Amino acid sequence: MCKCRLDLEQRYSEQLSKTNPEMMNLKVRLEGYSFIMEGNYMTYKPVMPMVLEYDKSVRSGRVSRKKETTHIVANYCPFCGKPLKKEAQ
């Protein structure tokens, strides 16, 4: 797997430290990554929440507003576009 996430975290940390010297012990962490089981393999992939909002008819004939959250799992790095590989067995 590529090192885009680690590289970006390092670059953001360095840049913010330079431009904001009042930030002490700065740690930058890109979130939205998760360990995912695929068969016998565990992989580490970017995950993005997706929110669905829609109107739905209910039994009384009224319309009710619904909201659901699901997640999209990427098979490619969102930064460099390289395919993500299986990491561990």
N, C-alpha and C. Protein backbone atom coordinates (compact mmCIF):
# COMPACT_ATOMS: atom_id res chain seq x y z
N MET A 1 0.84 -1.18 0.00
CA MET A 1 0.00 0.00 0.00
C MET A 1 0.89 1.24 0.00
N CYS A 2 0.42 2.29 -0.61
CA CYS A 2 1.18 3.55 -0.67
C CYS A 2 1.30 4.17 0.72
N LYS A 3 2.14 5.18 0.83
CA LYS A 3 2.35 5.88 2.10
C LYS A 3 1.77 7.29 2.07
N CYS A 4 0.77 7.53 1.22
CA CYS A 4 0.19 8.87 1.07
C CYS A 4 -0.32 9.42 2.39
N ARG A 5 -1.05 8.61 3.14
CA ARG A 5 -1.62 9.07 4.41
C ARG A 5 -0.52 9.54 5.36
N LEU A 6 0.50 8.73 5.54
CA LEU A 6 1.60 9.09 6.44
C LEU A 6 2.35 10.32 5.93
N ASP A 7 2.59 10.37 4.62
CA ASP A 7 3.29 11.51 4.03
C ASP A 7 2.50 12.81 4.21
N LEU A 8 1.19 12.76 3.98
CA LEU A 8 0.35 13.96 4.14
C LEU A 8 0.29 14.41 5.60
N GLU A 9 0.16 13.46 6.52
CA GLU A 9 0.15 13.82 7.93
C GLU A 9 1.45 14.53 8.32
N GLN A 10 2.57 14.01 7.85
CA GLN A 10 3.87 14.60 8.15
C GLN A 10 3.99 16.00 7.54
N ARG A 11 3.58 16.15 6.27
CA ARG A 11 3.68 17.45 5.60
C ARG A 11 2.79 18.49 6.27
N TYR A 12 1.54 18.11 6.61
CA TYR A 12 0.63 19.04 7.28
C TYR A 12 1.19 19.45 8.64
N SER A 13 1.74 18.50 9.35
CA SER A 13 2.31 18.78 10.67
C SER A 13 3.47 19.77 10.55
N GLU A 14 4.36 19.54 9.62
CA GLU A 14 5.51 20.44 9.41
C GLU A 14 5.04 21.84 9.02
N GLN A 15 4.10 21.92 8.08
CA GLN A 15 3.63 23.21 7.60
C GLN A 15 2.91 23.99 8.71
N LEU A 16 2.03 23.32 9.44
CA LEU A 16 1.31 23.99 10.52
C LEU A 16 2.25 24.44 11.63
N SER A 17 3.27 23.66 11.92
CA SER A 17 4.24 24.04 12.95
C SER A 17 5.01 25.29 12.54
N LYS A 18 5.33 25.40 11.26
CA LYS A 18 6.06 26.57 10.77
C LYS A 18 5.20 27.83 10.82
N THR A 19 3.95 27.70 10.39
CA THR A 19 3.08 28.88 10.30
C THR A 19 2.35 29.21 11.60
N ASN A 20 2.35 28.28 12.56
CA ASN A 20 1.67 28.48 13.84
C ASN A 20 2.57 28.04 14.99
N PRO A 21 3.59 28.82 15.31
CA PRO A 21 4.55 28.41 16.34
C PRO A 21 3.91 28.24 17.73
N GLU A 22 2.73 28.79 17.93
CA GLU A 22 2.06 28.63 19.22
C GLU A 22 1.49 27.23 19.42
N MET A 23 1.40 26.44 18.35
CA MET A 23 0.92 25.06 18.45
C MET A 23 2.07 24.18 18.91
N MET A 24 2.00 23.73 20.15
CA MET A 24 3.07 22.89 20.70
C MET A 24 2.62 21.43 20.71
N ASN A 25 3.56 20.52 20.52
CA ASN A 25 3.28 19.08 20.50
C ASN A 25 2.16 18.73 19.51
N LEU A 26 2.24 19.33 18.34
CA LEU A 26 1.22 19.14 17.31
C LEU A 26 1.27 17.73 16.75
N LYS A 27 0.13 17.11 16.63
CA LYS A 27 0.02 15.81 15.96
C LYS A 27 -1.14 15.90 14.97
N VAL A 28 -0.87 15.60 13.73
CA VAL A 28 -1.88 15.62 12.68
C VAL A 28 -2.25 14.18 12.35
N ARG A 29 -3.55 13.89 12.31
CA ARG A 29 -4.00 12.54 12.00
C ARG A 29 -5.16 12.62 11.02
N LEU A 30 -5.00 12.04 9.86
CA LEU A 30 -6.10 11.94 8.90
C LEU A 30 -6.98 10.79 9.35
N GLU A 31 -8.25 11.07 9.55
CA GLU A 31 -9.19 10.04 9.98
C GLU A 31 -9.95 9.52 8.78
N GLY A 32 -10.77 8.53 8.99
CA GLY A 32 -11.54 7.95 7.89
C GLY A 32 -10.87 6.73 7.31
N TYR A 33 -10.02 6.05 8.10
CA TYR A 33 -9.40 4.80 7.69
C TYR A 33 -9.85 3.72 8.66
N SER A 34 -9.98 2.50 8.17
CA SER A 34 -10.45 1.42 9.03
C SER A 34 -9.82 0.10 8.62
N PHE A 35 -9.65 -0.79 9.61
CA PHE A 35 -9.24 -2.15 9.32
C PHE A 35 -10.48 -2.92 8.87
N ILE A 36 -10.37 -3.65 7.77
CA ILE A 36 -11.50 -4.35 7.19
C ILE A 36 -11.10 -5.79 6.92
N MET A 37 -11.96 -6.72 7.31
CA MET A 37 -11.72 -8.14 7.03
C MET A 37 -12.27 -8.47 5.65
N GLU A 38 -11.42 -9.07 4.83
CA GLU A 38 -11.81 -9.54 3.51
C GLU A 38 -11.38 -11.00 3.40
N GLY A 39 -12.31 -11.91 3.60
CA GLY A 39 -11.96 -13.32 3.61
C GLY A 39 -11.03 -13.61 4.77
N ASN A 40 -9.84 -14.12 4.48
CA ASN A 40 -8.85 -14.41 5.52
C ASN A 40 -7.85 -13.27 5.69
N TYR A 41 -8.07 -12.15 5.06
CA TYR A 41 -7.13 -11.04 5.09
C TYR A 41 -7.71 -9.85 5.85
N MET A 42 -6.82 -9.13 6.52
CA MET A 42 -7.21 -7.86 7.11
C MET A 42 -6.53 -6.76 6.32
N THR A 43 -7.32 -5.80 5.86
CA THR A 43 -6.77 -4.69 5.09
C THR A 43 -7.07 -3.38 5.80
N TYR A 44 -6.34 -2.35 5.44
CA TYR A 44 -6.49 -1.01 6.01
C TYR A 44 -6.89 -0.11 4.86
N LYS A 45 -8.13 0.39 4.87
CA LYS A 45 -8.64 1.15 3.73
C LYS A 45 -9.29 2.45 4.16
N PRO A 46 -9.29 3.43 3.24
CA PRO A 46 -10.01 4.67 3.51
C PRO A 46 -11.52 4.42 3.49
N VAL A 47 -12.21 5.03 4.44
CA VAL A 47 -13.65 4.87 4.56
C VAL A 47 -14.27 6.26 4.67
N MET A 48 -15.30 6.52 3.85
CA MET A 48 -15.94 7.82 3.85
C MET A 48 -17.42 7.66 4.19
N PRO A 49 -17.92 8.42 5.19
CA PRO A 49 -19.34 8.33 5.48
C PRO A 49 -20.18 8.93 4.35
N MET A 50 -21.34 8.35 4.11
CA MET A 50 -22.27 8.84 3.12
C MET A 50 -23.63 8.97 3.80
N VAL A 51 -24.21 10.16 3.79
CA VAL A 51 -25.49 10.41 4.45
C VAL A 51 -26.60 10.47 3.40
N LEU A 52 -27.65 9.70 3.63
CA LEU A 52 -28.83 9.69 2.75
C LEU A 52 -29.97 10.37 3.49
N GLU A 53 -30.62 11.34 2.86
CA GLU A 53 -31.80 11.98 3.42
C GLU A 53 -32.89 11.90 2.38
N TYR A 54 -34.08 11.44 2.82
CA TYR A 54 -35.16 11.26 1.86
C TYR A 54 -36.51 11.30 2.58
N ASP A 55 -37.57 11.53 1.79
CA ASP A 55 -38.94 11.50 2.31
C ASP A 55 -39.52 10.13 2.04
N LYS A 56 -40.28 9.62 3.02
CA LYS A 56 -40.88 8.29 2.88
C LYS A 56 -42.32 8.34 3.40
N SER A 57 -43.22 7.73 2.65
CA SER A 57 -44.62 7.66 3.08
C SER A 57 -44.72 6.66 4.23
N VAL A 58 -45.49 7.03 5.25
CA VAL A 58 -45.73 6.14 6.38
C VAL A 58 -47.19 5.67 6.34
N ARG A 59 -47.55 4.72 7.17
CA ARG A 59 -48.89 4.09 7.14
C ARG A 59 -50.03 5.09 7.21
N SER A 60 -49.87 6.12 8.00
CA SER A 60 -50.97 7.09 8.17
C SER A 60 -51.17 7.97 6.95
N GLY A 61 -50.33 7.81 5.93
CA GLY A 61 -50.46 8.62 4.73
C GLY A 61 -49.59 9.86 4.77
N ARG A 62 -48.98 10.12 5.91
CA ARG A 62 -48.07 11.28 6.02
C ARG A 62 -46.73 10.95 5.37
N VAL A 63 -45.97 11.97 5.19
CA VAL A 63 -44.61 11.81 4.67
C VAL A 63 -43.65 12.13 5.80
N SER A 64 -42.70 11.26 6.00
CA SER A 64 -41.73 11.41 7.08
C SER A 64 -40.34 11.58 6.48
N ARG A 65 -39.56 12.49 7.05
CA ARG A 65 -38.18 12.70 6.59
C ARG A 65 -37.28 11.68 7.26
N LYS A 66 -36.50 10.95 6.48
CA LYS A 66 -35.61 9.91 6.99
C LYS A 66 -34.17 10.28 6.72
N LYS A 67 -33.28 9.84 7.59
CA LYS A 67 -31.85 10.07 7.43
C LYS A 67 -31.11 8.79 7.80
N GLU A 68 -30.25 8.33 6.90
CA GLU A 68 -29.46 7.13 7.13
C GLU A 68 -28.00 7.44 6.83
N THR A 69 -27.12 6.78 7.55
CA THR A 69 -25.70 6.92 7.30
C THR A 69 -25.12 5.56 6.96
N THR A 70 -24.35 5.51 5.91
CA THR A 70 -23.64 4.30 5.53
C THR A 70 -22.21 4.73 5.21
N HIS A 71 -21.36 3.81 4.81
CA HIS A 71 -19.97 4.15 4.54
C HIS A 71 -19.53 3.57 3.20
N ILE A 72 -18.70 4.32 2.52
CA ILE A 72 -18.10 3.89 1.26
C ILE A 72 -16.66 3.49 1.57
N VAL A 73 -16.27 2.30 1.13
CA VAL A 73 -14.90 1.82 1.33
C VAL A 73 -14.17 1.92 0.00
N ALA A 74 -13.02 2.58 0.00
CA ALA A 74 -12.26 2.76 -1.24
C ALA A 74 -11.32 1.58 -1.49
N ASN A 75 -11.18 1.21 -2.74
CA ASN A 75 -10.22 0.18 -3.14
C ASN A 75 -8.95 0.80 -3.72
N TYR A 76 -8.96 2.13 -3.84
CA TYR A 76 -7.82 2.86 -4.37
C TYR A 76 -7.51 4.02 -3.42
N CYS A 77 -6.26 4.43 -3.35
CA CYS A 77 -5.88 5.58 -2.53
C CYS A 77 -6.57 6.83 -3.09
N PRO A 78 -7.26 7.60 -2.24
CA PRO A 78 -7.93 8.80 -2.74
C PRO A 78 -6.96 9.92 -3.11
N PHE A 79 -5.69 9.77 -2.77
CA PHE A 79 -4.70 10.80 -3.04
C PHE A 79 -3.87 10.51 -4.29
N CYS A 80 -3.38 9.27 -4.43
CA CYS A 80 -2.52 8.96 -5.58
C CYS A 80 -3.18 8.04 -6.60
N GLY A 81 -4.30 7.41 -6.22
CA GLY A 81 -5.03 6.55 -7.14
C GLY A 81 -4.48 5.14 -7.27
N LYS A 82 -3.44 4.80 -6.50
CA LYS A 82 -2.88 3.45 -6.58
C LYS A 82 -3.83 2.46 -5.91
N PRO A 83 -3.91 1.23 -6.45
CA PRO A 83 -4.76 0.22 -5.81
C PRO A 83 -4.24 -0.13 -4.43
N LEU A 84 -5.15 -0.39 -3.50
CA LEU A 84 -4.77 -0.80 -2.17
C LEU A 84 -4.60 -2.32 -2.16
N LYS A 85 -3.61 -2.81 -1.43
CA LYS A 85 -3.29 -4.24 -1.42
C LYS A 85 -3.70 -4.85 -0.09
N LYS A 86 -3.83 -6.17 -0.11
CA LYS A 86 -4.05 -6.91 1.13
C LYS A 86 -2.77 -6.84 1.93
N GLU A 87 -2.88 -6.58 3.24
CA GLU A 87 -1.69 -6.36 4.05
C GLU A 87 -1.26 -7.54 4.92
N ALA A 88 -2.21 -8.21 5.55
CA ALA A 88 -1.83 -9.26 6.48
C ALA A 88 -2.78 -10.43 6.33
N GLN A 89 -2.29 -11.59 6.70
CA GLN A 89 -3.14 -12.78 6.66
C GLN A 89 -3.62 -13.14 8.04
